[in-house]
Amino acid sequence: MDATLHTDAGRHVLRFERALRHPPEKVWRAITEPEHLDHWFPAALHDKRGVGERITFRFPDGTDGGTGTITDLDPPRRFAFTWQGETLRFDLRPTDTGCLLVFTHHFDDHAGAASFAAGWQICLGALDDLLDGTPPTDHDWVAAHEHYVDRFDLLRGTTHPDGDTWRVQFERQLPTPADDVRPHLPTLIGAEPTAETDTRYDADLGTGQTVRVELRPGPGGARLTLTHRGLTDTDLDAAHTCWRTAIQTLATTLTGHPHQTEHPVAHHPMT
């Protein structure tokens, strides 16, 4: 089942519900015991004992995954903990055929929601396989990522006052590394750079308008932030439509996955 996304107390919350054909006691072991977690959870959990106790995480390649704290432990009903400032919670509710697993992830990075949702969808699918005793299923993380970008409407620009003009900003997590994104920036912008580094691309669009694209690491790839400055009231709608379309086209070029939501194609600001 797809994840849903909402806000709670100022944080973003992903929610998954899974109807499992297994009793809560069996599922509880799978979500708390290291020998089972190794088969589906992204990192090994160490040092966990009780509420308030610290957890350390280690990724399969042996690298440090940070620390967290157990915030709720009620076998076999509830297990919750923090991980690098974010909160994960598992709730098990008995049903006539097994139990309902409700998994939630509380976080601040709205633009990373598609990456988180795609990752947890694959992890929970691996948990299903573990519980059912079936071989691991192959999953297309990139396709799932792009699905959630559309589902959560994550490519929606924002408008901000900027002196006597306006600036429009887009933030898009791409499921590809920055080195693969960088060669496509001249096409995205439609202009040669006035300044360029490994992490930034600046261009002058004329009539007092400038655009800057910045690339930095994000969950699963490069985080692209595009800022268009010098816009007047009459420019705003066209700028939003143009950049939304252009960034979606870039993502499709990089991933090969077309977007499910179609948007009208606008002329580039340079034309």
C-alpha atoms as a PDB file:
ATOM      1  CA  MET A   1       0.000   0.000   0.000  1.00  0.00           C
ATOM      2  CA  ASP A   2       1.210   3.500  -0.827  1.00  0.00           C
ATOM      3  CA  ALA A   3       2.423   5.830   1.885  1.00  0.00           C
ATOM      4  CA  THR A   4       0.458   8.910   2.847  1.00  0.00           C
ATOM      5  CA  LEU A   5       2.035  12.218   3.838  1.00  0.00           C
ATOM      6  CA  HIS A   6       0.688  14.709   6.353  1.00  0.00           C
ATOM      7  CA  THR A   7       1.962  17.147   8.970  1.00  0.00           C
ATOM      8  CA  ASP A   8       1.788  16.836  12.737  1.00  0.00           C
ATOM      9  CA  ALA A   9       3.092  19.406  15.225  1.00  0.00           C
ATOM     10  CA  GLY A  10       5.052  21.103  12.452  1.00  0.00           C
ATOM     11  CA  ARG A  11       6.777  17.931  11.209  1.00  0.00           C
ATOM     12  CA  HIS A  12       6.119  15.875   8.096  1.00  0.00           C
ATOM     13  CA  VAL A  13       4.819  12.350   8.696  1.00  0.00           C
ATOM     14  CA  LEU A  14       4.911   9.379   6.340  1.00  0.00           C
ATOM     15  CA  ARG A  15       2.413   6.660   7.202  1.00  0.00           C
ATOM     16  CA  PHE A  16       2.250   3.085   5.907  1.00  0.00           C
ATOM     17  CA  GLU A  17      -0.387   0.500   6.778  1.00  0.00           C
ATOM     18  CA  ARG A  18       0.211  -3.182   6.080  1.00  0.00           C
ATOM     19  CA  ALA A  19      -2.311  -5.971   6.731  1.00  0.00           C
ATOM     20  CA  LEU A  20      -0.093  -8.950   7.625  1.00  0.00           C
ATOM     21  CA  ARG A  21      -1.076 -12.613   7.773  1.00  0.00           C
ATOM     22  CA  HIS A  22       0.989 -13.176  10.897  1.00  0.00           C
ATOM     23  CA  PRO A  23       0.268 -12.725  14.616  1.00  0.00           C
ATOM     24  CA  PRO A  24       1.664  -9.667  16.429  1.00  0.00           C
ATOM     25  CA  GLU A  25       4.178 -11.797  18.362  1.00  0.00           C
ATOM     26  CA  LYS A  26       5.844 -13.016  15.169  1.00  0.00           C
ATOM     27  CA  VAL A  27       5.918  -9.554  13.615  1.00  0.00           C
ATOM     28  CA  TRP A  28       7.278  -8.105  16.859  1.00  0.00           C
ATOM     29  CA  ARG A  29      10.298 -10.376  16.652  1.00  0.00           C
ATOM     30  CA  ALA A  30      10.864  -9.334  13.052  1.00  0.00           C
ATOM     31  CA  ILE A  31      10.883  -5.608  13.912  1.00  0.00           C
ATOM     32  CA  THR A  32      12.954  -5.795  17.097  1.00  0.00           C
ATOM     33  CA  GLU A  33      15.415  -8.723  16.965  1.00  0.00           C
ATOM     34  CA  PRO A  34      18.773  -8.089  15.199  1.00  0.00           C
ATOM     35  CA  GLU A  35      18.840 -11.419  13.321  1.00  0.00           C
ATOM     36  CA  HIS A  36      15.539 -10.465  11.657  1.00  0.00           C
ATOM     37  CA  LEU A  37      16.175  -6.733  11.256  1.00  0.00           C
ATOM     38  CA  ASP A  38      19.283  -7.537   9.228  1.00  0.00           C
ATOM     39  CA  HIS A  39      17.016  -8.872   6.441  1.00  0.00           C
ATOM     40  CA  TRP A  40      14.935  -5.753   5.894  1.00  0.00           C
ATOM     41  CA  PHE A  41      15.887  -2.703   8.004  1.00  0.00           C
ATOM     42  CA  PRO A  42      18.469  -0.333   6.436  1.00  0.00           C
ATOM     43  CA  ALA A  43      20.853  -0.463   9.419  1.00  0.00           C
ATOM     44  CA  ALA A  44      21.664  -2.761  12.310  1.00  0.00           C
ATOM     45  CA  LEU A  45      20.462  -1.623  15.741  1.00  0.00           C
ATOM     46  CA  HIS A  46      22.803  -2.030  18.718  1.00  0.00           C
ATOM     47  CA  ASP A  47      22.607  -1.355  22.464  1.00  0.00           C
ATOM     48  CA  LYS A  48      18.812  -1.236  22.606  1.00  0.00           C
ATOM     49  CA  ARG A  49      17.373  -2.202  25.976  1.00  0.00           C
ATOM     50  CA  GLY A  50      14.508  -0.047  27.214  1.00  0.00           C
ATOM     51  CA  VAL A  51      12.773   3.307  27.001  1.00  0.00           C
ATOM     52  CA  GLY A  52      15.246   6.173  27.256  1.00  0.00           C
ATOM     53  CA  GLU A  53      18.204   3.982  26.307  1.00  0.00           C
ATOM     54  CA  ARG A  54      20.511   4.855  23.439  1.00  0.00           C
ATOM     55  CA  ILE A  55      20.588   2.990  20.117  1.00  0.00           C
ATOM     56  CA  THR A  56      23.552   2.949  17.759  1.00  0.00           C
ATOM     57  CA  PHE A  57      23.086   2.207  14.066  1.00  0.00           C
ATOM     58  CA  ARG A  58      25.513   0.608  11.667  1.00  0.00           C
ATOM     59  CA  PHE A  59      25.005   0.231   7.928  1.00  0.00           C
ATOM     60  CA  PRO A  60      25.644  -3.084   6.128  1.00  0.00           C
ATOM     61  CA  ASP A  61      28.983  -1.828   4.776  1.00  0.00           C
ATOM     62  CA  GLY A  62      30.151  -1.244   8.353  1.00  0.00           C
ATOM     63  CA  THR A  63      29.888   2.551   8.342  1.00  0.00           C
ATOM     64  CA  ASP A  64      28.490   4.449  11.290  1.00  0.00           C
ATOM     65  CA  GLY A  65      24.759   5.166  11.009  1.00  0.00           C
ATOM     66  CA  GLY A  66      24.478   7.549  13.950  1.00  0.00           C
ATOM     67  CA  THR A  67      22.578   7.214  17.186  1.00  0.00           C
ATOM     68  CA  GLY A  68      19.044   7.441  18.560  1.00  0.00           C
ATOM     69  CA  THR A  69      16.935   6.836  21.633  1.00  0.00           C
ATOM     70  CA  ILE A  70      14.095   4.418  22.347  1.00  0.00           C
ATOM     71  CA  THR A  71      10.985   6.495  23.073  1.00  0.00           C
ATOM     72  CA  ASP A  72       8.340   3.748  23.395  1.00  0.00           C
ATOM     73  CA  LEU A  73       8.564  -0.003  23.968  1.00  0.00           C
ATOM     74  CA  ASP A  74       5.382  -1.971  24.625  1.00  0.00           C
ATOM     75  CA  PRO A  75       5.728  -5.609  23.429  1.00  0.00           C
ATOM     76  CA  PRO A  76       4.136  -6.754  21.205  1.00  0.00           C
ATOM     77  CA  ARG A  77       2.240  -3.576  20.395  1.00  0.00           C
ATOM     78  CA  ARG A  78       4.514  -0.584  19.979  1.00  0.00           C
ATOM     79  CA  PHE A  79       8.172   0.162  19.253  1.00  0.00           C
ATOM     80  CA  ALA A  80       9.355   3.736  18.642  1.00  0.00           C
ATOM     81  CA  PHE A  81      12.760   5.375  18.545  1.00  0.00           C
ATOM     82  CA  THR A  82      14.620   8.377  17.198  1.00  0.00           C
ATOM     83  CA  TRP A  83      17.285   8.177  14.528  1.00  0.00           C
ATOM     84  CA  GLN A  84      19.442  11.240  13.872  1.00  0.00           C
ATOM     85  CA  GLY A  85      16.662  13.542  15.033  1.00  0.00           C
ATOM     86  CA  GLU A  86      13.831  11.767  13.207  1.00  0.00           C
ATOM     87  CA  THR A  87      11.252   9.462  14.788  1.00  0.00           C
ATOM     88  CA  LEU A  88      10.223   5.984  13.618  1.00  0.00           C
ATOM     89  CA  ARG A  89       7.249   4.183  15.137  1.00  0.00           C
ATOM     90  CA  PHE A  90       5.811   0.705  14.641  1.00  0.00           C
ATOM     91  CA  ASP A  91       2.308  -0.102  15.914  1.00  0.00           C
ATOM     92  CA  LEU A  92       0.870  -3.635  15.773  1.00  0.00           C
ATOM     93  CA  ARG A  93      -2.878  -4.169  16.065  1.00  0.00           C
ATOM     94  CA  PRO A  94      -4.329  -7.713  16.199  1.00  0.00           C
ATOM     95  CA  THR A  95      -6.816  -8.684  13.480  1.00  0.00           C
ATOM     96  CA  ASP A  96      -8.824 -11.829  12.724  1.00  0.00           C
ATOM     97  CA  THR A  97      -6.240 -12.878  10.130  1.00  0.00           C
ATOM     98  CA  GLY A  98      -3.007 -11.656  11.764  1.00  0.00           C
ATOM     99  CA  CYS A  99      -2.241  -8.046  12.531  1.00  0.00           C
ATOM    100  CA  LEU A 100      -2.184  -4.551  11.092  1.00  0.00           C
ATOM    101  CA  LEU A 101       1.228  -2.899  11.000  1.00  0.00           C
ATOM    102  CA  VAL A 102       1.173   0.898  11.068  1.00  0.00           C
ATOM    103  CA  PHE A 103       4.566   2.456  10.446  1.00  0.00           C
ATOM    104  CA  THR A 104       5.194   6.209  10.705  1.00  0.00           C
ATOM    105  CA  HIS A 105       8.268   8.313  10.045  1.00  0.00           C
ATOM    106  CA  HIS A 106       8.407  11.879  11.425  1.00  0.00           C
ATOM    107  CA  PHE A 107      10.935  14.216   9.769  1.00  0.00           C
ATOM    108  CA  ASP A 108      11.594  17.832   8.733  1.00  0.00           C
ATOM    109  CA  ASP A 109      12.968  17.563   5.175  1.00  0.00           C
ATOM    110  CA  HIS A 110       9.855  17.963   3.010  1.00  0.00           C
ATOM    111  CA  ALA A 111      11.750  17.705  -0.285  1.00  0.00           C
ATOM    112  CA  GLY A 112      13.154  14.341   0.869  1.00  0.00           C
ATOM    113  CA  ALA A 113       9.704  12.803   1.385  1.00  0.00           C
ATOM    114  CA  ALA A 114       9.751  10.844  -1.889  1.00  0.00           C
ATOM    115  CA  SER A 115      13.154   9.335  -1.086  1.00  0.00           C
ATOM    116  CA  PHE A 116      12.024   8.316   2.373  1.00  0.00           C
ATOM    117  CA  ALA A 117       8.732   6.875   1.118  1.00  0.00           C
ATOM    118  CA  ALA A 118      10.383   4.884  -1.680  1.00  0.00           C
ATOM    119  CA  GLY A 119      13.006   3.523   0.705  1.00  0.00           C
ATOM    120  CA  TRP A 120      10.511   2.462   3.366  1.00  0.00           C
ATOM    121  CA  GLN A 121       8.232   0.924   0.751  1.00  0.00           C
ATOM    122  CA  ILE A 122      11.087  -1.347  -0.307  1.00  0.00           C
ATOM    123  CA  CYS A 123      12.065  -2.090   3.303  1.00  0.00           C
ATOM    124  CA  LEU A 124       8.513  -3.019   4.261  1.00  0.00           C
ATOM    125  CA  GLY A 125       8.265  -5.186   1.154  1.00  0.00           C
ATOM    126  CA  ALA A 126      11.386  -7.020   2.342  1.00  0.00           C
ATOM    127  CA  LEU A 127       9.747  -7.403   5.770  1.00  0.00           C
ATOM    128  CA  ASP A 128       6.749  -9.016   4.034  1.00  0.00           C
ATOM    129  CA  ASP A 129       9.086 -11.437   2.267  1.00  0.00           C
ATOM    130  CA  LEU A 130      10.840 -12.290   5.530  1.00  0.00           C
ATOM    131  CA  LEU A 131       7.578 -12.976   7.342  1.00  0.00           C
ATOM    132  CA  ASP A 132       6.207 -15.046   4.457  1.00  0.00           C
ATOM    133  CA  GLY A 133       9.454 -17.000   4.073  1.00  0.00           C
ATOM    134  CA  THR A 134       9.716 -16.094   0.374  1.00  0.00           C
ATOM    135  CA  PRO A 135      12.794 -14.986  -1.593  1.00  0.00           C
ATOM    136  CA  PRO A 136      13.466 -11.226  -1.593  1.00  0.00           C
ATOM    137  CA  THR A 137      11.543  -9.337  -4.264  1.00  0.00           C
ATOM    138  CA  ASP A 138      13.325  -6.972  -6.637  1.00  0.00           C
ATOM    139  CA  HIS A 139      12.117  -3.352  -6.389  1.00  0.00           C
ATOM    140  CA  ASP A 140      12.695  -0.307  -8.578  1.00  0.00           C
ATOM    141  CA  TRP A 141      13.605   2.420  -6.077  1.00  0.00           C
ATOM    142  CA  VAL A 142      13.908   5.121  -8.734  1.00  0.00           C
ATOM    143  CA  ALA A 143      10.436   4.384 -10.127  1.00  0.00           C
ATOM    144  CA  ALA A 144       8.994   4.435  -6.616  1.00  0.00           C
ATOM    145  CA  HIS A 145      10.783   7.724  -5.902  1.00  0.00           C
ATOM    146  CA  GLU A 146       9.349   9.414  -8.984  1.00  0.00           C
ATOM    147  CA  HIS A 147       5.898   8.013  -8.192  1.00  0.00           C
ATOM    148  CA  TYR A 148       5.983   9.668  -4.788  1.00  0.00           C
ATOM    149  CA  VAL A 149       7.249  12.973  -6.198  1.00  0.00           C
ATOM    150  CA  ASP A 150       4.009  13.095  -8.176  1.00  0.00           C
ATOM    151  CA  ARG A 151       1.812  11.657  -5.442  1.00  0.00           C
ATOM    152  CA  PHE A 152       3.030  14.173  -2.854  1.00  0.00           C
ATOM    153  CA  ASP A 153       3.202  17.069  -5.353  1.00  0.00           C
ATOM    154  CA  LEU A 154       6.799  17.772  -4.363  1.00  0.00           C
ATOM    155  CA  LEU A 155       7.629  19.934  -7.365  1.00  0.00           C
ATOM    156  CA  ARG A 156       5.629  22.965  -6.316  1.00  0.00           C
ATOM    157  CA  GLY A 157       7.536  26.222  -6.345  1.00  0.00           C
ATOM    158  CA  THR A 158       7.341  28.962  -3.745  1.00  0.00           C
ATOM    159  CA  THR A 159       7.175  32.739  -4.232  1.00  0.00           C
ATOM    160  CA  HIS A 160       8.951  35.251  -1.994  1.00  0.00           C
ATOM    161  CA  PRO A 161       9.210  39.060  -1.962  1.00  0.00           C
ATOM    162  CA  ASP A 162      12.693  40.188  -2.988  1.00  0.00           C
ATOM    163  CA  GLY A 163      12.999  43.956  -2.655  1.00  0.00           C
ATOM    164  CA  ASP A 164      10.919  45.568  -5.391  1.00  0.00           C
ATOM    165  CA  THR A 165      10.596  42.265  -7.279  1.00  0.00           C
ATOM    166  CA  TRP A 166       9.893  38.610  -6.555  1.00  0.00           C
ATOM    167  CA  ARG A 167      11.909  35.436  -6.457  1.00  0.00           C
ATOM    168  CA  VAL A 168      10.602  31.961  -7.271  1.00  0.00           C
ATOM    169  CA  GLN A 169      12.266  28.910  -5.770  1.00  0.00           C
ATOM    170  CA  PHE A 170      12.046  25.186  -6.467  1.00  0.00           C
ATOM    171  CA  GLU A 171      13.636  22.402  -4.425  1.00  0.00           C
ATOM    172  CA  ARG A 172      13.724  18.937  -5.989  1.00  0.00           C
ATOM    173  CA  GLN A 173      15.382  15.764  -4.742  1.00  0.00           C
ATOM    174  CA  LEU A 174      16.772  13.820  -7.700  1.00  0.00           C
ATOM    175  CA  PRO A 175      17.483  10.063  -7.420  1.00  0.00           C
ATOM    176  CA  THR A 176      20.796  10.475  -9.242  1.00  0.00           C
ATOM    177  CA  PRO A 177      24.212  11.806  -8.137  1.00  0.00           C
ATOM    178  CA  ALA A 178      25.245  15.403  -8.728  1.00  0.00           C
ATOM    179  CA  ASP A 179      27.907  14.364 -11.273  1.00  0.00           C
ATOM    180  CA  ASP A 180      25.116  13.026 -13.508  1.00  0.00           C
ATOM    181  CA  VAL A 181      22.986  16.149 -13.065  1.00  0.00           C
ATOM    182  CA  ARG A 182      25.635  18.803 -13.673  1.00  0.00           C
ATOM    183  CA  PRO A 183      26.072  18.336 -17.464  1.00  0.00           C
ATOM    184  CA  HIS A 184      22.344  18.973 -17.963  1.00  0.00           C
ATOM    185  CA  LEU A 185      22.237  22.363 -16.226  1.00  0.00           C
ATOM    186  CA  PRO A 186      22.877  24.495 -19.366  1.00  0.00           C
ATOM    187  CA  THR A 187      19.873  22.841 -21.003  1.00  0.00           C
ATOM    188  CA  LEU A 188      17.767  23.267 -17.869  1.00  0.00           C
ATOM    189  CA  ILE A 189      18.585  26.976 -17.616  1.00  0.00           C
ATOM    190  CA  GLY A 190      18.760  27.750 -21.317  1.00  0.00           C
ATOM    191  CA  ALA A 191      21.723  30.048 -20.825  1.00  0.00           C
ATOM    192  CA  GLU A 192      25.479  29.901 -20.463  1.00  0.00           C
ATOM    193  CA  PRO A 193      26.767  30.447 -16.932  1.00  0.00           C
ATOM    194  CA  THR A 194      28.011  33.755 -15.616  1.00  0.00           C
ATOM    195  CA  ALA A 195      29.609  31.788 -12.777  1.00  0.00           C
ATOM    196  CA  GLU A 196      29.939  28.055 -12.244  1.00  0.00           C
ATOM    197  CA  THR A 197      31.358  25.711  -9.608  1.00  0.00           C
ATOM    198  CA  ASP A 198      30.859  22.039  -8.799  1.00  0.00           C
ATOM    199  CA  THR A 199      27.857  22.942  -6.658  1.00  0.00           C
ATOM    200  CA  ARG A 200      26.455  26.102  -8.261  1.00  0.00           C
ATOM    201  CA  TYR A 201      25.403  27.434 -11.673  1.00  0.00           C
ATOM    202  CA  ASP A 202      24.520  31.131 -12.143  1.00  0.00           C
ATOM    203  CA  ALA A 203      23.058  32.666 -15.281  1.00  0.00           C
ATOM    204  CA  ASP A 204      21.794  36.090 -16.375  1.00  0.00           C
ATOM    205  CA  LEU A 205      18.419  35.900 -18.118  1.00  0.00           C
ATOM    206  CA  GLY A 206      18.355  39.567 -19.067  1.00  0.00           C
ATOM    207  CA  THR A 207      15.929  42.368 -18.094  1.00  0.00           C
ATOM    208  CA  GLY A 208      17.255  42.204 -14.548  1.00  0.00           C
ATOM    209  CA  GLN A 209      16.435  38.516 -14.037  1.00  0.00           C
ATOM    210  CA  THR A 210      18.929  35.935 -12.808  1.00  0.00           C
ATOM    211  CA  VAL A 211      18.743  32.246 -12.027  1.00  0.00           C
ATOM    212  CA  ARG A 212      20.881  30.146  -9.728  1.00  0.00           C
ATOM    213  CA  VAL A 213      20.908  26.354  -9.470  1.00  0.00           C
ATOM    214  CA  GLU A 214      22.595  24.740  -6.471  1.00  0.00           C
ATOM    215  CA  LEU A 215      23.373  21.052  -6.019  1.00  0.00           C
ATOM    216  CA  ARG A 216      24.010  19.448  -2.650  1.00  0.00           C
ATOM    217  CA  PRO A 217      23.720  15.922  -1.250  1.00  0.00           C
ATOM    218  CA  GLY A 218      20.252  14.675  -0.364  1.00  0.00           C
ATOM    219  CA  PRO A 219      18.726  11.309   0.500  1.00  0.00           C
ATOM    220  CA  GLY A 220      19.473   9.051  -2.455  1.00  0.00           C
ATOM    221  CA  GLY A 221      21.070  11.547  -4.826  1.00  0.00           C
ATOM    222  CA  ALA A 222      21.431  15.265  -5.524  1.00  0.00           C
ATOM    223  CA  ARG A 223      19.217  17.983  -4.068  1.00  0.00           C
ATOM    224  CA  LEU A 224      18.562  20.618  -6.724  1.00  0.00           C
ATOM    225  CA  THR A 225      17.515  24.111  -5.636  1.00  0.00           C
ATOM    226  CA  LEU A 226      16.608  26.612  -8.352  1.00  0.00           C
ATOM    227  CA  THR A 227      16.121  30.310  -7.535  1.00  0.00           C
ATOM    228  CA  HIS A 228      14.832  32.770 -10.161  1.00  0.00           C
ATOM    229  CA  ARG A 229      15.173  36.448  -9.118  1.00  0.00           C
ATOM    230  CA  GLY A 230      14.012  39.757 -10.526  1.00  0.00           C
ATOM    231  CA  LEU A 231      10.470  38.697 -11.400  1.00  0.00           C
ATOM    232  CA  THR A 232       7.565  41.101 -11.712  1.00  0.00           C
ATOM    233  CA  ASP A 233       3.948  40.339 -10.829  1.00  0.00           C
ATOM    234  CA  THR A 234       3.149  39.464 -14.434  1.00  0.00           C
ATOM    235  CA  ASP A 235       6.131  37.067 -14.684  1.00  0.00           C
ATOM    236  CA  LEU A 236       5.215  34.795 -11.781  1.00  0.00           C
ATOM    237  CA  ASP A 237       2.733  32.357 -13.335  1.00  0.00           C
ATOM    238  CA  ALA A 238       4.901  31.763 -16.396  1.00  0.00           C
ATOM    239  CA  ALA A 239       8.018  31.269 -14.247  1.00  0.00           C
ATOM    240  CA  HIS A 240       6.295  28.689 -12.046  1.00  0.00           C
ATOM    241  CA  THR A 241       4.955  26.749 -15.026  1.00  0.00           C
ATOM    242  CA  CYS A 242       8.221  26.935 -16.934  1.00  0.00           C
ATOM    243  CA  TRP A 243      10.506  25.733 -14.143  1.00  0.00           C
ATOM    244  CA  ARG A 244       8.134  23.014 -12.984  1.00  0.00           C
ATOM    245  CA  THR A 245       8.052  21.646 -16.526  1.00  0.00           C
ATOM    246  CA  ALA A 246      11.792  22.054 -17.067  1.00  0.00           C
ATOM    247  CA  ILE A 247      12.743  20.299 -13.821  1.00  0.00           C
ATOM    248  CA  GLN A 248      10.320  17.461 -14.511  1.00  0.00           C
ATOM    249  CA  THR A 249      11.843  17.081 -17.980  1.00  0.00           C
ATOM    250  CA  LEU A 250      15.317  16.949 -16.419  1.00  0.00           C
ATOM    251  CA  ALA A 251      14.198  14.245 -13.970  1.00  0.00           C
ATOM    252  CA  THR A 252      12.682  12.195 -16.786  1.00  0.00           C
ATOM    253  CA  THR A 253      15.898  12.509 -18.798  1.00  0.00           C
ATOM    254  CA  LEU A 254      17.992  11.373 -15.833  1.00  0.00           C
ATOM    255  CA  THR A 255      15.775   8.484 -14.717  1.00  0.00           C
ATOM    256  CA  GLY A 256      13.891   7.368 -17.817  1.00  0.00           C
ATOM    257  CA  HIS A 257      10.662   7.453 -15.800  1.00  0.00           C
ATOM    258  CA  PRO A 258       8.003   9.800 -17.224  1.00  0.00           C
ATOM    259  CA  HIS A 259       5.887  11.687 -14.745  1.00  0.00           C
ATOM    260  CA  GLN A 260       2.279  10.735 -14.184  1.00  0.00           C
ATOM    261  CA  THR A 261       1.044  14.308 -13.878  1.00  0.00           C
ATOM    262  CA  GLU A 262       1.115  16.318 -17.075  1.00  0.00           C
ATOM    263  CA  HIS A 263       1.630  20.072 -16.983  1.00  0.00           C
ATOM    264  CA  PRO A 264       1.344  22.589 -19.823  1.00  0.00           C
ATOM    265  CA  VAL A 265       4.612  23.382 -21.526  1.00  0.00           C
ATOM    266  CA  ALA A 266       5.564  27.037 -21.178  1.00  0.00           C
ATOM    267  CA  HIS A 267       8.140  29.008 -23.124  1.00  0.00           C
ATOM    268  CA  HIS A 268      11.502  29.199 -21.442  1.00  0.00           C
ATOM    269  CA  PRO A 269      12.134  32.580 -19.733  1.00  0.00           C
ATOM    270  CA  MET A 270      14.963  33.185 -22.210  1.00  0.00           C
ATOM    271  CA  THR A 271      12.599  32.995 -25.220  1.00  0.00           C
END
